[in-house]
Amino acid sequence: MRIVDSNNLGNAAPAQTGRAGGLQSIDSAGKNGSALGKGASATDSVELSSFADRLSQTMQAASASRAQRITELTAAVRSGTYHVDSQALSHSMVSQAISSGSGGKL
């Protein structure tokens, strides 16, 4: 997001935009509008990138994927088909202990 405030009006209330990623002009009275009155010039602008939208979509996809994995694991545990790989688990525990510098304390 980039905010340009050439009048140094940092204390002014922010204007609402019509949609993310769009540009909207603001007149000197701080009102939203697509056209400015006669003699007014657009000196302040706000530009929102689509990064927030992409981030939100990614987080929703990750959340859905995680929920699906939890459902699968729950079903496997209930049916008795879930088995822990003890060698992989012990390796992970030892690696974590070594990397955290806990001196063997778990």
N, C-alpha and C. Protein backbone atom coordinates (compact mmCIF):
# COMPACT_ATOMS: atom_id res chain seq x y z
N MET A 1 0.86 -1.17 0.00
CA MET A 1 0.00 0.00 0.00
C MET A 1 0.90 1.22 0.00
N ARG A 2 0.55 2.20 -0.78
CA ARG A 2 1.30 3.44 -0.85
C ARG A 2 0.35 4.59 -0.59
N ILE A 3 0.73 5.48 0.32
CA ILE A 3 -0.09 6.65 0.62
C ILE A 3 0.75 7.88 0.33
N VAL A 4 0.20 8.77 -0.48
CA VAL A 4 0.87 10.02 -0.80
C VAL A 4 0.07 11.14 -0.18
N ASP A 5 0.69 11.90 0.73
CA ASP A 5 0.00 12.99 1.44
C ASP A 5 0.82 14.25 1.24
N SER A 6 0.61 14.91 0.10
CA SER A 6 1.43 16.08 -0.20
C SER A 6 1.08 17.29 0.66
N ASN A 7 -0.10 17.28 1.29
CA ASN A 7 -0.49 18.39 2.16
C ASN A 7 -0.14 18.13 3.61
N ASN A 8 0.50 16.96 3.89
CA ASN A 8 0.89 16.58 5.23
C ASN A 8 -0.31 16.61 6.18
N LEU A 9 -1.39 15.97 5.76
CA LEU A 9 -2.61 15.92 6.55
C LEU A 9 -2.71 14.58 7.26
N GLY A 10 -1.69 14.19 7.96
CA GLY A 10 -1.65 12.90 8.63
C GLY A 10 -2.75 12.70 9.63
N ASN A 11 -3.35 13.77 10.17
CA ASN A 11 -4.39 13.64 11.17
C ASN A 11 -5.79 13.56 10.56
N ALA A 12 -5.90 13.70 9.26
CA ALA A 12 -7.21 13.67 8.62
C ALA A 12 -7.76 12.26 8.64
N ALA A 13 -9.08 12.13 8.72
CA ALA A 13 -9.73 10.82 8.70
C ALA A 13 -9.56 10.18 7.34
N PRO A 14 -9.24 8.88 7.31
CA PRO A 14 -9.05 8.22 6.02
C PRO A 14 -10.36 8.08 5.27
N ALA A 15 -10.29 8.20 3.96
CA ALA A 15 -11.48 8.03 3.12
C ALA A 15 -11.62 6.56 2.78
N GLN A 16 -12.83 6.13 2.53
CA GLN A 16 -13.07 4.74 2.16
C GLN A 16 -12.94 4.61 0.66
N THR A 17 -12.37 3.49 0.23
CA THR A 17 -12.24 3.24 -1.20
C THR A 17 -13.38 2.39 -1.66
N GLY A 18 -13.67 2.47 -2.94
CA GLY A 18 -14.75 1.68 -3.51
C GLY A 18 -14.45 0.21 -3.56
N ARG A 19 -13.21 -0.20 -3.91
CA ARG A 19 -12.82 -1.60 -3.94
C ARG A 19 -11.31 -1.67 -3.80
N ALA A 20 -10.82 -2.80 -3.34
CA ALA A 20 -9.38 -2.98 -3.15
C ALA A 20 -8.69 -2.92 -4.50
N GLY A 21 -7.54 -2.33 -4.54
CA GLY A 21 -6.75 -2.27 -5.75
C GLY A 21 -7.09 -1.10 -6.65
N GLY A 22 -8.08 -0.34 -6.32
CA GLY A 22 -8.49 0.78 -7.16
C GLY A 22 -7.96 2.10 -6.64
N LEU A 23 -8.02 3.10 -7.46
CA LEU A 23 -7.65 4.45 -7.06
C LEU A 23 -8.90 5.29 -7.01
N GLN A 24 -8.96 6.17 -6.06
CA GLN A 24 -10.11 7.04 -5.94
C GLN A 24 -9.60 8.41 -5.52
N SER A 25 -10.08 9.44 -6.18
CA SER A 25 -9.62 10.78 -5.84
C SER A 25 -10.38 11.31 -4.64
N ILE A 26 -9.75 12.24 -3.95
CA ILE A 26 -10.35 12.86 -2.77
C ILE A 26 -10.24 14.37 -2.96
N ASP A 27 -11.38 15.06 -2.81
CA ASP A 27 -11.32 16.51 -2.99
C ASP A 27 -10.74 17.17 -1.75
N SER A 28 -10.57 18.47 -1.78
CA SER A 28 -9.91 19.19 -0.69
C SER A 28 -10.72 19.15 0.61
N ALA A 29 -12.00 18.83 0.54
CA ALA A 29 -12.82 18.73 1.75
C ALA A 29 -12.74 17.33 2.35
N GLY A 30 -12.00 16.42 1.70
CA GLY A 30 -11.85 15.07 2.22
C GLY A 30 -12.97 14.14 1.82
N LYS A 31 -13.78 14.52 0.84
CA LYS A 31 -14.89 13.68 0.40
C LYS A 31 -14.44 12.81 -0.76
N ASN A 32 -15.00 11.60 -0.82
CA ASN A 32 -14.70 10.69 -1.93
C ASN A 32 -15.38 11.21 -3.18
N GLY A 33 -14.78 10.95 -4.30
CA GLY A 33 -15.43 11.33 -5.54
C GLY A 33 -14.58 10.95 -6.72
N SER A 34 -15.23 10.76 -7.85
CA SER A 34 -14.49 10.43 -9.05
C SER A 34 -14.13 11.68 -9.84
N ALA A 35 -14.79 12.79 -9.53
CA ALA A 35 -14.49 14.05 -10.21
C ALA A 35 -14.32 15.14 -9.16
N LEU A 36 -13.43 16.05 -9.43
CA LEU A 36 -13.18 17.14 -8.51
C LEU A 36 -13.92 18.39 -8.97
N GLY A 37 -14.22 19.24 -8.02
CA GLY A 37 -14.88 20.50 -8.36
C GLY A 37 -13.97 21.40 -9.16
N LYS A 38 -14.53 22.48 -9.69
CA LYS A 38 -13.76 23.41 -10.50
C LYS A 38 -12.65 24.03 -9.67
N GLY A 39 -11.48 24.08 -10.22
CA GLY A 39 -10.35 24.72 -9.56
C GLY A 39 -9.65 23.84 -8.54
N ALA A 40 -10.19 22.69 -8.19
CA ALA A 40 -9.55 21.80 -7.21
C ALA A 40 -8.56 20.90 -7.93
N SER A 41 -7.52 20.54 -7.23
CA SER A 41 -6.54 19.63 -7.83
C SER A 41 -6.37 18.43 -6.92
N ALA A 42 -6.16 17.28 -7.51
CA ALA A 42 -5.98 16.05 -6.74
C ALA A 42 -4.52 15.96 -6.30
N THR A 43 -4.24 16.27 -5.05
CA THR A 43 -2.87 16.23 -4.56
C THR A 43 -2.62 15.05 -3.64
N ASP A 44 -3.67 14.49 -3.04
CA ASP A 44 -3.54 13.34 -2.17
C ASP A 44 -4.07 12.11 -2.89
N SER A 45 -3.41 10.99 -2.72
CA SER A 45 -3.91 9.77 -3.34
C SER A 45 -3.56 8.58 -2.46
N VAL A 46 -4.35 7.54 -2.59
CA VAL A 46 -4.13 6.30 -1.88
C VAL A 46 -4.19 5.19 -2.91
N GLU A 47 -3.19 4.30 -2.88
CA GLU A 47 -3.15 3.19 -3.82
C GLU A 47 -3.03 1.90 -3.03
N LEU A 48 -4.01 1.02 -3.16
CA LEU A 48 -4.00 -0.27 -2.47
C LEU A 48 -3.64 -1.35 -3.47
N SER A 49 -2.69 -2.17 -3.12
CA SER A 49 -2.32 -3.27 -4.01
C SER A 49 -3.23 -4.45 -3.77
N SER A 50 -3.15 -5.40 -4.63
CA SER A 50 -3.97 -6.61 -4.49
C SER A 50 -3.29 -7.63 -3.59
N PHE A 51 -2.18 -7.24 -2.95
CA PHE A 51 -1.46 -8.16 -2.07
C PHE A 51 -2.35 -8.66 -0.94
N ALA A 52 -3.11 -7.78 -0.32
CA ALA A 52 -3.98 -8.18 0.79
C ALA A 52 -5.01 -9.20 0.33
N ASP A 53 -5.54 -9.02 -0.86
CA ASP A 53 -6.52 -9.95 -1.41
C ASP A 53 -5.87 -11.31 -1.66
N ARG A 54 -4.69 -11.32 -2.26
CA ARG A 54 -3.98 -12.58 -2.52
C ARG A 54 -3.62 -13.28 -1.21
N LEU A 55 -3.19 -12.51 -0.22
CA LEU A 55 -2.85 -13.09 1.07
C LEU A 55 -4.07 -13.73 1.72
N SER A 56 -5.19 -13.06 1.65
CA SER A 56 -6.43 -13.60 2.21
C SER A 56 -6.82 -14.91 1.52
N GLN A 57 -6.72 -14.95 0.21
CA GLN A 57 -7.06 -16.16 -0.54
C GLN A 57 -6.12 -17.31 -0.18
N THR A 58 -4.84 -17.01 -0.02
CA THR A 58 -3.86 -18.04 0.34
C THR A 58 -4.15 -18.59 1.73
N MET A 59 -4.47 -17.69 2.66
CA MET A 59 -4.77 -18.12 4.03
C MET A 59 -6.02 -18.99 4.06
N GLN A 60 -7.04 -18.64 3.28
CA GLN A 60 -8.26 -19.43 3.22
C GLN A 60 -7.98 -20.81 2.63
N ALA A 61 -7.15 -20.88 1.59
CA ALA A 61 -6.82 -22.17 0.97
C ALA A 61 -6.04 -23.04 1.95
N ALA A 62 -5.09 -22.44 2.68
CA ALA A 62 -4.31 -23.19 3.66
C ALA A 62 -5.20 -23.69 4.78
N SER A 63 -6.14 -22.86 5.21
CA SER A 63 -7.06 -23.26 6.27
C SER A 63 -7.93 -24.42 5.82
N ALA A 64 -8.42 -24.38 4.60
CA ALA A 64 -9.25 -25.45 4.07
C ALA A 64 -8.45 -26.74 3.94
N SER A 65 -7.20 -26.62 3.49
CA SER A 65 -6.34 -27.79 3.34
C SER A 65 -6.05 -28.42 4.70
N ARG A 66 -5.79 -27.58 5.69
CA ARG A 66 -5.51 -28.08 7.04
C ARG A 66 -6.74 -28.76 7.63
N ALA A 67 -7.91 -28.18 7.42
CA ALA A 67 -9.14 -28.78 7.93
C ALA A 67 -9.38 -30.15 7.29
N GLN A 68 -9.09 -30.26 6.01
CA GLN A 68 -9.26 -31.54 5.32
C GLN A 68 -8.29 -32.58 5.88
N ARG A 69 -7.05 -32.18 6.13
CA ARG A 69 -6.04 -33.10 6.69
C ARG A 69 -6.45 -33.56 8.09
N ILE A 70 -6.99 -32.66 8.90
CA ILE A 70 -7.44 -33.03 10.25
C ILE A 70 -8.59 -34.02 10.16
N THR A 71 -9.50 -33.81 9.23
CA THR A 71 -10.62 -34.73 9.03
C THR A 71 -10.11 -36.11 8.64
N GLU A 72 -9.14 -36.17 7.74
CA GLU A 72 -8.55 -37.44 7.32
C GLU A 72 -7.88 -38.15 8.48
N LEU A 73 -7.10 -37.40 9.28
CA LEU A 73 -6.40 -38.01 10.42
C LEU A 73 -7.40 -38.50 11.47
N THR A 74 -8.44 -37.74 11.71
CA THR A 74 -9.47 -38.14 12.67
C THR A 74 -10.12 -39.46 12.25
N ALA A 75 -10.43 -39.56 10.97
CA ALA A 75 -11.04 -40.79 10.45
C ALA A 75 -10.09 -41.97 10.58
N ALA A 76 -8.81 -41.76 10.31
CA ALA A 76 -7.82 -42.83 10.41
C ALA A 76 -7.64 -43.29 11.86
N VAL A 77 -7.62 -42.35 12.80
CA VAL A 77 -7.49 -42.71 14.22
C VAL A 77 -8.73 -43.49 14.67
N ARG A 78 -9.91 -43.04 14.30
CA ARG A 78 -11.15 -43.71 14.71
C ARG A 78 -11.27 -45.12 14.13
N SER A 79 -10.78 -45.29 12.90
CA SER A 79 -10.87 -46.61 12.27
C SER A 79 -9.73 -47.54 12.68
N GLY A 80 -8.72 -46.99 13.38
CA GLY A 80 -7.60 -47.81 13.82
C GLY A 80 -6.53 -48.01 12.77
N THR A 81 -6.59 -47.26 11.67
CA THR A 81 -5.61 -47.42 10.59
C THR A 81 -4.47 -46.41 10.69
N TYR A 82 -4.51 -45.53 11.67
CA TYR A 82 -3.44 -44.54 11.82
C TYR A 82 -2.32 -45.14 12.66
N HIS A 83 -1.13 -45.14 12.10
CA HIS A 83 0.03 -45.68 12.81
C HIS A 83 1.15 -44.65 12.75
N VAL A 84 1.79 -44.45 13.88
CA VAL A 84 2.89 -43.50 13.98
C VAL A 84 4.17 -44.20 13.58
N ASP A 85 4.97 -43.55 12.75
CA ASP A 85 6.29 -44.06 12.39
C ASP A 85 7.23 -43.69 13.54
N SER A 86 7.49 -44.64 14.44
CA SER A 86 8.26 -44.36 15.65
C SER A 86 9.69 -43.92 15.34
N GLN A 87 10.28 -44.44 14.28
CA GLN A 87 11.64 -44.04 13.92
C GLN A 87 11.66 -42.58 13.46
N ALA A 88 10.71 -42.18 12.65
CA ALA A 88 10.64 -40.80 12.18
C ALA A 88 10.33 -39.85 13.33
N LEU A 89 9.46 -40.28 14.25
CA LEU A 89 9.11 -39.46 15.40
C LEU A 89 10.32 -39.24 16.31
N SER A 90 11.05 -40.33 16.61
CA SER A 90 12.22 -40.19 17.49
C SER A 90 13.30 -39.34 16.83
N HIS A 91 13.49 -39.51 15.53
CA HIS A 91 14.47 -38.69 14.81
C HIS A 91 14.11 -37.21 14.89
N SER A 92 12.83 -36.91 14.70
CA SER A 92 12.36 -35.52 14.76
C SER A 92 12.54 -34.93 16.15
N MET A 93 12.25 -35.74 17.18
CA MET A 93 12.40 -35.25 18.56
C MET A 93 13.86 -34.95 18.89
N VAL A 94 14.76 -35.84 18.49
CA VAL A 94 16.18 -35.63 18.76
C VAL A 94 16.70 -34.43 17.97
N SER A 95 16.30 -34.31 16.71
CA SER A 95 16.74 -33.17 15.89
C SER A 95 16.27 -31.86 16.49
N GLN A 96 15.03 -31.82 16.96
CA GLN A 96 14.48 -30.62 17.57
C GLN A 96 15.23 -30.27 18.85
N ALA A 97 15.53 -31.27 19.66
CA ALA A 97 16.26 -31.03 20.92
C ALA A 97 17.66 -30.49 20.65
N ILE A 98 18.31 -31.04 19.63
CA ILE A 98 19.67 -30.60 19.30
C ILE A 98 19.65 -29.18 18.76
N SER A 99 18.71 -28.89 17.86
CA SER A 99 18.66 -27.57 17.24
C SER A 99 18.24 -26.47 18.22
N SER A 100 17.46 -26.83 19.25
CA SER A 100 17.03 -25.83 20.21
C SER A 100 18.07 -25.58 21.30
N GLY A 101 19.08 -26.47 21.35
CA GLY A 101 20.14 -26.29 22.34
C GLY A 101 19.68 -26.59 23.76
N SER A 102 18.73 -27.49 23.91
CA SER A 102 18.21 -27.79 25.24
C SER A 102 19.09 -28.74 26.02
N GLY A 103 20.20 -29.21 25.41
CA GLY A 103 21.12 -30.07 26.13
C GLY A 103 20.52 -31.42 26.45
N GLY A 104 19.63 -31.91 25.63
CA GLY A 104 19.02 -33.22 25.84
C GLY A 104 17.76 -33.17 26.66
N LYS A 105 17.38 -32.02 27.17
CA LYS A 105 16.14 -31.93 27.96
C LYS A 105 14.98 -31.71 27.00
N LEU A 106 13.99 -32.55 27.08
CA LEU A 106 12.83 -32.43 26.20
C LEU A 106 11.72 -31.72 26.85
